[in-house]
Amino acid sequence: MSEHPSRLTLRRTQIPGVGPDDWAVIHDGGEVIGRIYRAPNRQGDSWFWGLNLFPSSAANSGYALSLAEAKSRFRARWRSLRESTQGGPTRRP
């Protein structure tokens, strides 16, 4: 693992028909490793976050009450996976 922390940045998705609150999560300026988006429901808005990993796991996605919380949970899970696997987690093919 590199000595500097990996950078995660958000970029609006280019998916036709999605709302403005739909973000791709980019690792170190290149690879898309997940997505965060507003998920309206009857109780109000929530934010979905998910990592694009294989094999998939319920621990690699979830819901949060705010964008800040979704970003925090995404980053925490990503860091946990990077620390527990040599060379980082496996991305979906």
PDB file of N, CA and C in Angstrom:
ATOM      1  N   MET A   1       0.852  -1.174   0.000  1.00  0.00           N
ATOM      2  CA  MET A   1       0.000   0.000   0.000  1.00  0.00           C
ATOM      3  C   MET A   1       0.896   1.234   0.000  1.00  0.00           C
ATOM      4  N   SER A   2       0.506   2.248  -0.709  1.00  0.00           N
ATOM      5  CA  SER A   2       1.318   3.456  -0.797  1.00  0.00           C
ATOM      6  C   SER A   2       1.334   4.184   0.539  1.00  0.00           C
ATOM      7  N   GLU A   3       2.321   5.048   0.732  1.00  0.00           N
ATOM      8  CA  GLU A   3       2.445   5.770   1.985  1.00  0.00           C
ATOM      9  C   GLU A   3       1.501   6.950   2.065  1.00  0.00           C
ATOM     10  N   HIS A   4       1.014   7.453   0.965  1.00  0.00           N
ATOM     11  CA  HIS A   4       0.053   8.557   1.008  1.00  0.00           C
ATOM     12  C   HIS A   4      -1.364   7.994   0.939  1.00  0.00           C
ATOM     13  N   PRO A   5      -2.307   8.663   1.629  1.00  0.00           N
ATOM     14  CA  PRO A   5      -3.681   8.161   1.558  1.00  0.00           C
ATOM     15  C   PRO A   5      -4.237   8.317   0.154  1.00  0.00           C
ATOM     16  N   SER A   6      -5.064   7.375  -0.244  1.00  0.00           N
ATOM     17  CA  SER A   6      -5.651   7.461  -1.581  1.00  0.00           C
ATOM     18  C   SER A   6      -6.672   8.582  -1.614  1.00  0.00           C
ATOM     19  N   ARG A   7      -6.759   9.242  -2.761  1.00  0.00           N
ATOM     20  CA  ARG A   7      -7.723  10.329  -2.936  1.00  0.00           C
ATOM     21  C   ARG A   7      -9.004   9.772  -3.514  1.00  0.00           C
ATOM     22  N   LEU A   8     -10.106  10.193  -2.940  1.00  0.00           N
ATOM     23  CA  LEU A   8     -11.417   9.870  -3.480  1.00  0.00           C
ATOM     24  C   LEU A   8     -12.091  11.185  -3.826  1.00  0.00           C
ATOM     25  N   THR A   9     -12.563  11.307  -5.056  1.00  0.00           N
ATOM     26  CA  THR A   9     -13.236  12.523  -5.478  1.00  0.00           C
ATOM     27  C   THR A   9     -14.586  12.163  -6.093  1.00  0.00           C
ATOM     28  N   LEU A  10     -15.488  13.144  -6.098  1.00  0.00           N
ATOM     29  CA  LEU A  10     -16.804  12.948  -6.685  1.00  0.00           C
ATOM     30  C   LEU A  10     -16.882  13.643  -8.031  1.00  0.00           C
ATOM     31  N   ARG A  11     -17.543  12.990  -8.974  1.00  0.00           N
ATOM     32  CA  ARG A  11     -17.811  13.576 -10.293  1.00  0.00           C
ATOM     33  C   ARG A  11     -19.251  13.226 -10.650  1.00  0.00           C
ATOM     34  N   ARG A  12     -19.992  14.215 -11.137  1.00  0.00           N
ATOM     35  CA  ARG A  12     -21.376  13.940 -11.524  1.00  0.00           C
ATOM     36  C   ARG A  12     -21.394  12.811 -12.546  1.00  0.00           C
ATOM     37  N   THR A  13     -22.365  11.910 -12.375  1.00  0.00           N
ATOM     38  CA  THR A  13     -22.466  10.796 -13.316  1.00  0.00           C
ATOM     39  C   THR A  13     -22.941  11.304 -14.671  1.00  0.00           C
ATOM     40  N   GLN A  14     -22.674  10.544 -15.673  1.00  0.00           N
ATOM     41  CA  GLN A  14     -23.085  10.848 -17.037  1.00  0.00           C
ATOM     42  C   GLN A  14     -24.194   9.910 -17.482  1.00  0.00           C
ATOM     43  N   ILE A  15     -25.031   9.493 -16.532  1.00  0.00           N
ATOM     44  CA  ILE A  15     -26.109   8.544 -16.828  1.00  0.00           C
ATOM     45  C   ILE A  15     -27.349   9.330 -17.235  1.00  0.00           C
ATOM     46  N   PRO A  16     -27.863   9.119 -18.441  1.00  0.00           N
ATOM     47  CA  PRO A  16     -29.060   9.854 -18.883  1.00  0.00           C
ATOM     48  C   PRO A  16     -30.254   9.590 -17.958  1.00  0.00           C
ATOM     49  N   GLY A  17     -30.970  10.652 -17.632  1.00  0.00           N
ATOM     50  CA  GLY A  17     -32.193  10.517 -16.859  1.00  0.00           C
ATOM     51  C   GLY A  17     -32.039  10.542 -15.345  1.00  0.00           C
ATOM     52  N   VAL A  18     -30.811  10.584 -14.831  1.00  0.00           N
ATOM     53  CA  VAL A  18     -30.648  10.658 -13.374  1.00  0.00           C
ATOM     54  C   VAL A  18     -30.648  12.118 -12.943  1.00  0.00           C
ATOM     55  N   GLY A  19     -30.967  12.350 -11.684  1.00  0.00           N
ATOM     56  CA  GLY A  19     -31.005  13.709 -11.156  1.00  0.00           C
ATOM     57  C   GLY A  19     -29.620  14.293 -10.947  1.00  0.00           C
ATOM     58  N   PRO A  20     -29.571  15.556 -10.512  1.00  0.00           N
ATOM     59  CA  PRO A  20     -28.284  16.233 -10.328  1.00  0.00           C
ATOM     60  C   PRO A  20     -27.500  15.733  -9.116  1.00  0.00           C
ATOM     61  N   ASP A  21     -28.158  15.005  -8.209  1.00  0.00           N
ATOM     62  CA  ASP A  21     -27.486  14.513  -7.002  1.00  0.00           C
ATOM     63  C   ASP A  21     -27.066  13.063  -7.162  1.00  0.00           C
ATOM     64  N   ASP A  22     -26.325  12.781  -8.213  1.00  0.00           N
ATOM     65  CA  ASP A  22     -25.856  11.443  -8.525  1.00  0.00           C
ATOM     66  C   ASP A  22     -24.376  11.553  -8.861  1.00  0.00           C
ATOM     67  N   TRP A  23     -23.546  10.934  -8.037  1.00  0.00           N
ATOM     68  CA  TRP A  23     -22.096  11.122  -8.143  1.00  0.00           C
ATOM     69  C   TRP A  23     -21.362   9.803  -8.325  1.00  0.00           C
ATOM     70  N   ALA A  24     -20.380   9.801  -9.209  1.00  0.00           N
ATOM     71  CA  ALA A  24     -19.434   8.691  -9.313  1.00  0.00           C
ATOM     72  C   ALA A  24     -18.297   8.994  -8.341  1.00  0.00           C
ATOM     73  N   VAL A  25     -17.796   7.978  -7.672  1.00  0.00           N
ATOM     74  CA  VAL A  25     -16.656   8.142  -6.770  1.00  0.00           C
ATOM     75  C   VAL A  25     -15.422   7.665  -7.523  1.00  0.00           C
ATOM     76  N   ILE A  26     -14.448   8.560  -7.646  1.00  0.00           N
ATOM     77  CA  ILE A  26     -13.243   8.309  -8.436  1.00  0.00           C
ATOM     78  C   ILE A  26     -12.054   8.098  -7.493  1.00  0.00           C
ATOM     79  N   HIS A  27     -11.289   7.044  -7.735  1.00  0.00           N
ATOM     80  CA  HIS A  27     -10.104   6.740  -6.932  1.00  0.00           C
ATOM     81  C   HIS A  27      -8.857   7.304  -7.593  1.00  0.00           C
ATOM     82  N   ASP A  28      -8.134   8.121  -6.870  1.00  0.00           N
ATOM     83  CA  ASP A  28      -6.870   8.708  -7.336  1.00  0.00           C
ATOM     84  C   ASP A  28      -6.960   9.315  -8.729  1.00  0.00           C
ATOM     85  N   GLY A  29      -8.093   9.931  -9.047  1.00  0.00           N
ATOM     86  CA  GLY A  29      -8.230  10.659 -10.297  1.00  0.00           C
ATOM     87  C   GLY A  29      -8.513   9.826 -11.528  1.00  0.00           C
ATOM     88  N   GLY A  30      -8.741   8.523 -11.380  1.00  0.00           N
ATOM     89  CA  GLY A  30      -8.930   7.709 -12.572  1.00  0.00           C
ATOM     90  C   GLY A  30     -10.100   6.767 -12.533  1.00  0.00           C
ATOM     91  N   GLU A  31     -10.002   5.713 -11.754  1.00  0.00           N
ATOM     92  CA  GLU A  31     -10.972   4.633 -11.794  1.00  0.00           C
ATOM     93  C   GLU A  31     -12.232   4.938 -10.977  1.00  0.00           C
ATOM     94  N   VAL A  32     -13.393   4.658 -11.561  1.00  0.00           N
ATOM     95  CA  VAL A  32     -14.658   4.777 -10.834  1.00  0.00           C
ATOM     96  C   VAL A  32     -14.776   3.559  -9.929  1.00  0.00           C
ATOM     97  N   ILE A  33     -14.873   3.794  -8.604  1.00  0.00           N
ATOM     98  CA  ILE A  33     -14.942   2.680  -7.660  1.00  0.00           C
ATOM     99  C   ILE A  33     -16.293   2.594  -6.952  1.00  0.00           C
ATOM    100  N   GLY A  34     -17.184   3.530  -7.235  1.00  0.00           N
ATOM    101  CA  GLY A  34     -18.484   3.464  -6.578  1.00  0.00           C
ATOM    102  C   GLY A  34     -19.377   4.628  -6.964  1.00  0.00           C
ATOM    103  N   ARG A  35     -20.454   4.759  -6.209  1.00  0.00           N
ATOM    104  CA  ARG A  35     -21.455   5.763  -6.531  1.00  0.00           C
ATOM    105  C   ARG A  35     -22.147   6.225  -5.251  1.00  0.00           C
ATOM    106  N   ILE A  36     -22.504   7.499  -5.215  1.00  0.00           N
ATOM    107  CA  ILE A  36     -23.307   8.072  -4.141  1.00  0.00           C
ATOM    108  C   ILE A  36     -24.405   8.877  -4.800  1.00  0.00           C
ATOM    109  N   TYR A  37     -25.659   8.654  -4.360  1.00  0.00           N
ATOM    110  CA  TYR A  37     -26.752   9.425  -4.955  1.00  0.00           C
ATOM    111  C   TYR A  37     -27.901   9.604  -3.967  1.00  0.00           C
ATOM    112  N   ARG A  38     -28.682  10.679  -4.201  1.00  0.00           N
ATOM    113  CA  ARG A  38     -29.864  10.940  -3.384  1.00  0.00           C
ATOM    114  C   ARG A  38     -30.922   9.904  -3.739  1.00  0.00           C
ATOM    115  N   ALA A  39     -31.524   9.340  -2.699  1.00  0.00           N
ATOM    116  CA  ALA A  39     -32.531   8.295  -2.884  1.00  0.00           C
ATOM    117  C   ALA A  39     -33.817   8.717  -2.175  1.00  0.00           C
ATOM    118  N   PRO A  40     -34.665   9.489  -2.866  1.00  0.00           N
ATOM    119  CA  PRO A  40     -35.910   9.936  -2.232  1.00  0.00           C
ATOM    120  C   PRO A  40     -36.807   8.754  -1.842  1.00  0.00           C
ATOM    121  N   ASN A  41     -37.503   8.890  -0.738  1.00  0.00           N
ATOM    122  CA  ASN A  41     -38.459   7.877  -0.305  1.00  0.00           C
ATOM    123  C   ASN A  41     -39.597   8.545   0.465  1.00  0.00           C
ATOM    124  N   ARG A  42     -40.530   7.775   0.925  1.00  0.00           N
ATOM    125  CA  ARG A  42     -41.708   8.341   1.608  1.00  0.00           C
ATOM    126  C   ARG A  42     -41.368   9.055   2.910  1.00  0.00           C
ATOM    127  N   GLN A  43     -40.332   8.628   3.590  1.00  0.00           N
ATOM    128  CA  GLN A  43     -39.940   9.244   4.857  1.00  0.00           C
ATOM    129  C   GLN A  43     -39.081  10.494   4.662  1.00  0.00           C
ATOM    130  N   GLY A  44     -38.712  10.804   3.443  1.00  0.00           N
ATOM    131  CA  GLY A  44     -37.820  11.929   3.161  1.00  0.00           C
ATOM    132  C   GLY A  44     -36.633  11.444   2.360  1.00  0.00           C
ATOM    133  N   ASP A  45     -35.714  12.320   2.125  1.00  0.00           N
ATOM    134  CA  ASP A  45     -34.537  11.954   1.332  1.00  0.00           C
ATOM    135  C   ASP A  45     -33.511  11.207   2.174  1.00  0.00           C
ATOM    136  N   SER A  46     -32.837  10.293   1.534  1.00  0.00           N
ATOM    137  CA  SER A  46     -31.656   9.657   2.102  1.00  0.00           C
ATOM    138  C   SER A  46     -30.631   9.573   0.982  1.00  0.00           C
ATOM    139  N   TRP A  47     -29.442   9.160   1.311  1.00  0.00           N
ATOM    140  CA  TRP A  47     -28.356   9.047   0.337  1.00  0.00           C
ATOM    141  C   TRP A  47     -27.861   7.617   0.310  1.00  0.00           C
ATOM    142  N   PHE A  48     -27.798   7.042  -0.886  1.00  0.00           N
ATOM    143  CA  PHE A  48     -27.247   5.712  -1.075  1.00  0.00           C
ATOM    144  C   PHE A  48     -25.758   5.842  -1.373  1.00  0.00           C
ATOM    145  N   TRP A  49     -24.953   4.963  -0.806  1.00  0.00           N
ATOM    146  CA  TRP A  49     -23.540   4.879  -1.157  1.00  0.00           C
ATOM    147  C   TRP A  49     -23.216   3.404  -1.420  1.00  0.00           C
ATOM    148  N   GLY A  50     -22.355   3.175  -2.398  1.00  0.00           N
ATOM    149  CA  GLY A  50     -21.982   1.799  -2.703  1.00  0.00           C
ATOM    150  C   GLY A  50     -20.658   1.720  -3.438  1.00  0.00           C
ATOM    151  N   LEU A  51     -19.882   0.709  -3.095  1.00  0.00           N
ATOM    152  CA  LEU A  51     -18.622   0.431  -3.770  1.00  0.00           C
ATOM    153  C   LEU A  51     -18.855  -0.592  -4.861  1.00  0.00           C
ATOM    154  N   ASN A  52     -18.188  -0.435  -5.993  1.00  0.00           N
ATOM    155  CA  ASN A  52     -18.281  -1.377  -7.121  1.00  0.00           C
ATOM    156  C   ASN A  52     -17.239  -2.480  -6.923  1.00  0.00           C
ATOM    157  N   LEU A  53     -17.561  -3.460  -6.101  1.00  0.00           N
ATOM    158  CA  LEU A  53     -16.602  -4.517  -5.798  1.00  0.00           C
ATOM    159  C   LEU A  53     -17.171  -5.884  -6.124  1.00  0.00           C
ATOM    160  N   PHE A  54     -16.246  -6.834  -6.346  1.00  0.00           N
ATOM    161  CA  PHE A  54     -16.625  -8.207  -6.612  1.00  0.00           C
ATOM    162  C   PHE A  54     -15.850  -9.115  -5.670  1.00  0.00           C
ATOM    163  N   PRO A  55     -16.444 -10.073  -5.014  1.00  0.00           N
ATOM    164  CA  PRO A  55     -17.885 -10.298  -4.992  1.00  0.00           C
ATOM    165  C   PRO A  55     -18.575  -9.214  -4.170  1.00  0.00           C
ATOM    166  N   SER A  56     -19.834  -8.981  -4.470  1.00  0.00           N
ATOM    167  CA  SER A  56     -20.563  -7.936  -3.770  1.00  0.00           C
ATOM    168  C   SER A  56     -20.855  -8.379  -2.337  1.00  0.00           C
ATOM    169  N   SER A  57     -21.057  -7.401  -1.468  1.00  0.00           N
ATOM    170  CA  SER A  57     -21.348  -7.662  -0.066  1.00  0.00           C
ATOM    171  C   SER A  57     -22.232  -6.540   0.458  1.00  0.00           C
ATOM    172  N   ALA A  58     -23.172  -6.883   1.320  1.00  0.00           N
ATOM    173  CA  ALA A  58     -24.044  -5.859   1.908  1.00  0.00           C
ATOM    174  C   ALA A  58     -23.233  -4.835   2.692  1.00  0.00           C
ATOM    175  N   ALA A  59     -22.058  -5.204   3.178  1.00  0.00           N
ATOM    176  CA  ALA A  59     -21.218  -4.277   3.939  1.00  0.00           C
ATOM    177  C   ALA A  59     -20.617  -3.188   3.050  1.00  0.00           C
ATOM    178  N   ASN A  60     -20.678  -3.370   1.727  1.00  0.00           N
ATOM    179  CA  ASN A  60     -20.065  -2.411   0.802  1.00  0.00           C
ATOM    180  C   ASN A  60     -21.045  -1.380   0.268  1.00  0.00           C
ATOM    181  N   SER A  61     -22.200  -1.259   0.902  1.00  0.00           N
ATOM    182  CA  SER A  61     -23.174  -0.246   0.506  1.00  0.00           C
ATOM    183  C   SER A  61     -24.102   0.037   1.675  1.00  0.00           C
ATOM    184  N   GLY A  62     -24.818   1.148   1.571  1.00  0.00           N
ATOM    185  CA  GLY A  62     -25.752   1.487   2.633  1.00  0.00           C
ATOM    186  C   GLY A  62     -26.435   2.811   2.369  1.00  0.00           C
ATOM    187  N   TYR A  63     -27.162   3.270   3.355  1.00  0.00           N
ATOM    188  CA  TYR A  63     -27.886   4.540   3.258  1.00  0.00           C
ATOM    189  C   TYR A  63     -27.447   5.455   4.392  1.00  0.00           C
ATOM    190  N   ALA A  64     -27.529   6.750   4.136  1.00  0.00           N
ATOM    191  CA  ALA A  64     -27.174   7.760   5.123  1.00  0.00           C
ATOM    192  C   ALA A  64     -28.188   8.900   5.040  1.00  0.00           C
ATOM    193  N   LEU A  65     -28.246   9.719   6.084  1.00  0.00           N
ATOM    194  CA  LEU A  65     -29.201  10.819   6.123  1.00  0.00           C
ATOM    195  C   LEU A  65     -28.724  12.065   5.390  1.00  0.00           C
ATOM    196  N   SER A  66     -27.430  12.153   5.119  1.00  0.00           N
ATOM    197  CA  SER A  66     -26.896  13.337   4.436  1.00  0.00           C
ATOM    198  C   SER A  66     -25.791  12.923   3.473  1.00  0.00           C
ATOM    199  N   LEU A  67     -25.469  13.814   2.554  1.00  0.00           N
ATOM    200  CA  LEU A  67     -24.361  13.560   1.631  1.00  0.00           C
ATOM    201  C   LEU A  67     -23.052  13.436   2.401  1.00  0.00           C
ATOM    202  N   ALA A  68     -22.848  14.294   3.393  1.00  0.00           N
ATOM    203  CA  ALA A  68     -21.611  14.238   4.193  1.00  0.00           C
ATOM    204  C   ALA A  68     -21.473  12.890   4.889  1.00  0.00           C
ATOM    205  N   GLU A  69     -22.560  12.381   5.445  1.00  0.00           N
ATOM    206  CA  GLU A  69     -22.521  11.087   6.122  1.00  0.00           C
ATOM    207  C   GLU A  69     -22.271   9.960   5.118  1.00  0.00           C
ATOM    208  N   ALA A  70     -22.890  10.028   3.941  1.00  0.00           N
ATOM    209  CA  ALA A  70     -22.669   9.010   2.908  1.00  0.00           C
ATOM    210  C   ALA A  70     -21.201   8.992   2.479  1.00  0.00           C
ATOM    211  N   LYS A  71     -20.616  10.176   2.282  1.00  0.00           N
ATOM    212  CA  LYS A  71     -19.202  10.243   1.905  1.00  0.00           C
ATOM    213  C   LYS A  71     -18.321   9.670   3.009  1.00  0.00           C
ATOM    214  N   SER A  72     -18.640   9.974   4.253  1.00  0.00           N
ATOM    215  CA  SER A  72     -17.859   9.476   5.378  1.00  0.00           C
ATOM    216  C   SER A  72     -17.927   7.950   5.474  1.00  0.00           C
ATOM    217  N   ARG A  73     -19.107   7.387   5.321  1.00  0.00           N
ATOM    218  CA  ARG A  73     -19.259   5.930   5.383  1.00  0.00           C
ATOM    219  C   ARG A  73     -18.564   5.242   4.217  1.00  0.00           C
ATOM    220  N   PHE A  74     -18.667   5.825   3.022  1.00  0.00           N
ATOM    221  CA  PHE A  74     -17.989   5.282   1.840  1.00  0.00           C
ATOM    222  C   PHE A  74     -16.482   5.245   2.099  1.00  0.00           C
ATOM    223  N   ARG A  75     -15.919   6.394   2.527  1.00  0.00           N
ATOM    224  CA  ARG A  75     -14.473   6.490   2.763  1.00  0.00           C
ATOM    225  C   ARG A  75     -14.026   5.502   3.847  1.00  0.00           C
ATOM    226  N   ALA A  76     -14.800   5.394   4.923  1.00  0.00           N
ATOM    227  CA  ALA A  76     -14.429   4.481   6.007  1.00  0.00           C
ATOM    228  C   ALA A  76     -14.394   3.034   5.509  1.00  0.00           C
ATOM    229  N   ARG A  77     -15.384   2.639   4.720  1.00  0.00           N
ATOM    230  CA  ARG A  77     -15.410   1.269   4.203  1.00  0.00           C
ATOM    231  C   ARG A  77     -14.261   1.032   3.230  1.00  0.00           C
ATOM    232  N   TRP A  78     -13.997   2.010   2.366  1.00  0.00           N
ATOM    233  CA  TRP A  78     -12.897   1.895   1.407  1.00  0.00           C
ATOM    234  C   TRP A  78     -11.563   1.741   2.143  1.00  0.00           C
ATOM    235  N   ARG A  79     -11.335   2.569   3.152  1.00  0.00           N
ATOM    236  CA  ARG A  79     -10.079   2.475   3.926  1.00  0.00           C
ATOM    237  C   ARG A  79      -9.969   1.124   4.623  1.00  0.00           C
ATOM    238  N   SER A  80     -11.074   0.665   5.202  1.00  0.00           N
ATOM    239  CA  SER A  80     -11.072  -0.627   5.880  1.00  0.00           C
ATOM    240  C   SER A  80     -10.691  -1.752   4.918  1.00  0.00           C
ATOM    241  N   LEU A  81     -11.259  -1.723   3.727  1.00  0.00           N
ATOM    242  CA  LEU A  81     -10.942  -2.754   2.735  1.00  0.00           C
ATOM    243  C   LEU A  81      -9.500  -2.660   2.260  1.00  0.00           C
ATOM    244  N   ARG A  82      -9.003  -1.458   2.058  1.00  0.00           N
ATOM    245  CA  ARG A  82      -7.615  -1.294   1.610  1.00  0.00           C
ATOM    246  C   ARG A  82      -6.632  -1.787   2.661  1.00  0.00           C
ATOM    247  N   GLU A  83      -6.967  -1.572   3.933  1.00  0.00           N
ATOM    248  CA  GLU A  83      -6.083  -2.022   5.011  1.00  0.00           C
ATOM    249  C   GLU A  83      -6.121  -3.533   5.199  1.00  0.00           C
ATOM    250  N   SER A  84      -7.257  -4.156   4.875  1.00  0.00           N
ATOM    251  CA  SER A  84      -7.402  -5.594   5.117  1.00  0.00           C
ATOM    252  C   SER A  84      -7.010  -6.462   3.929  1.00  0.00           C
ATOM    253  N   THR A  85      -6.782  -5.855   2.766  1.00  0.00           N
ATOM    254  CA  THR A  85      -6.398  -6.642   1.587  1.00  0.00           C
ATOM    255  C   THR A  85      -5.109  -6.106   1.000  1.00  0.00           C
ATOM    256  N   GLN A  86      -4.229  -6.983   0.624  1.00  0.00           N
ATOM    257  CA  GLN A  86      -2.969  -6.583  -0.006  1.00  0.00           C
ATOM    258  C   GLN A  86      -3.263  -5.991  -1.391  1.00  0.00           C
ATOM    259  N   GLY A  87      -2.906  -4.749  -1.628  1.00  0.00           N
ATOM    260  CA  GLY A  87      -3.086  -4.150  -2.923  1.00  0.00           C
ATOM    261  C   GLY A  87      -4.474  -3.591  -3.182  1.00  0.00           C
ATOM    262  N   GLY A  88      -5.348  -3.661  -2.206  1.00  0.00           N
ATOM    263  CA  GLY A  88      -6.679  -3.084  -2.365  1.00  0.00           C
ATOM    264  C   GLY A  88      -7.704  -4.120  -2.772  1.00  0.00           C
ATOM    265  N   PRO A  89      -8.975  -3.759  -2.624  1.00  0.00           N
ATOM    266  CA  PRO A  89     -10.062  -4.684  -2.970  1.00  0.00           C
ATOM    267  C   PRO A  89     -10.167  -4.913  -4.473  1.00  0.00           C
ATOM    268  N   THR A  90     -10.886  -5.961  -4.833  1.00  0.00           N
ATOM    269  CA  THR A  90     -11.097  -6.318  -6.243  1.00  0.00           C
ATOM    270  C   THR A  90     -12.297  -5.580  -6.802  1.00  0.00           C
ATOM    271  N   ARG A  91     -12.100  -4.862  -7.910  1.00  0.00           N
ATOM    272  CA  ARG A  91     -13.185  -4.143  -8.562  1.00  0.00           C
ATOM    273  C   ARG A  91     -14.017  -5.083  -9.394  1.00  0.00           C
ATOM    274  N   ARG A  92     -15.268  -4.704  -9.611  1.00  0.00           N
ATOM    275  CA  ARG A  92     -16.146  -5.508 -10.484  1.00  0.00           C
ATOM    276  C   ARG A  92     -15.583  -5.539 -11.885  1.00  0.00           C
ATOM    277  N   PRO A  93     -15.673  -6.695 -12.544  1.00  0.00           N
ATOM    278  CA  PRO A  93     -15.179  -6.784 -13.930  1.00  0.00           C
ATOM    279  C   PRO A  93     -16.066  -5.999 -14.884  1.00  0.00           C
TER     280      PRO A  93
END
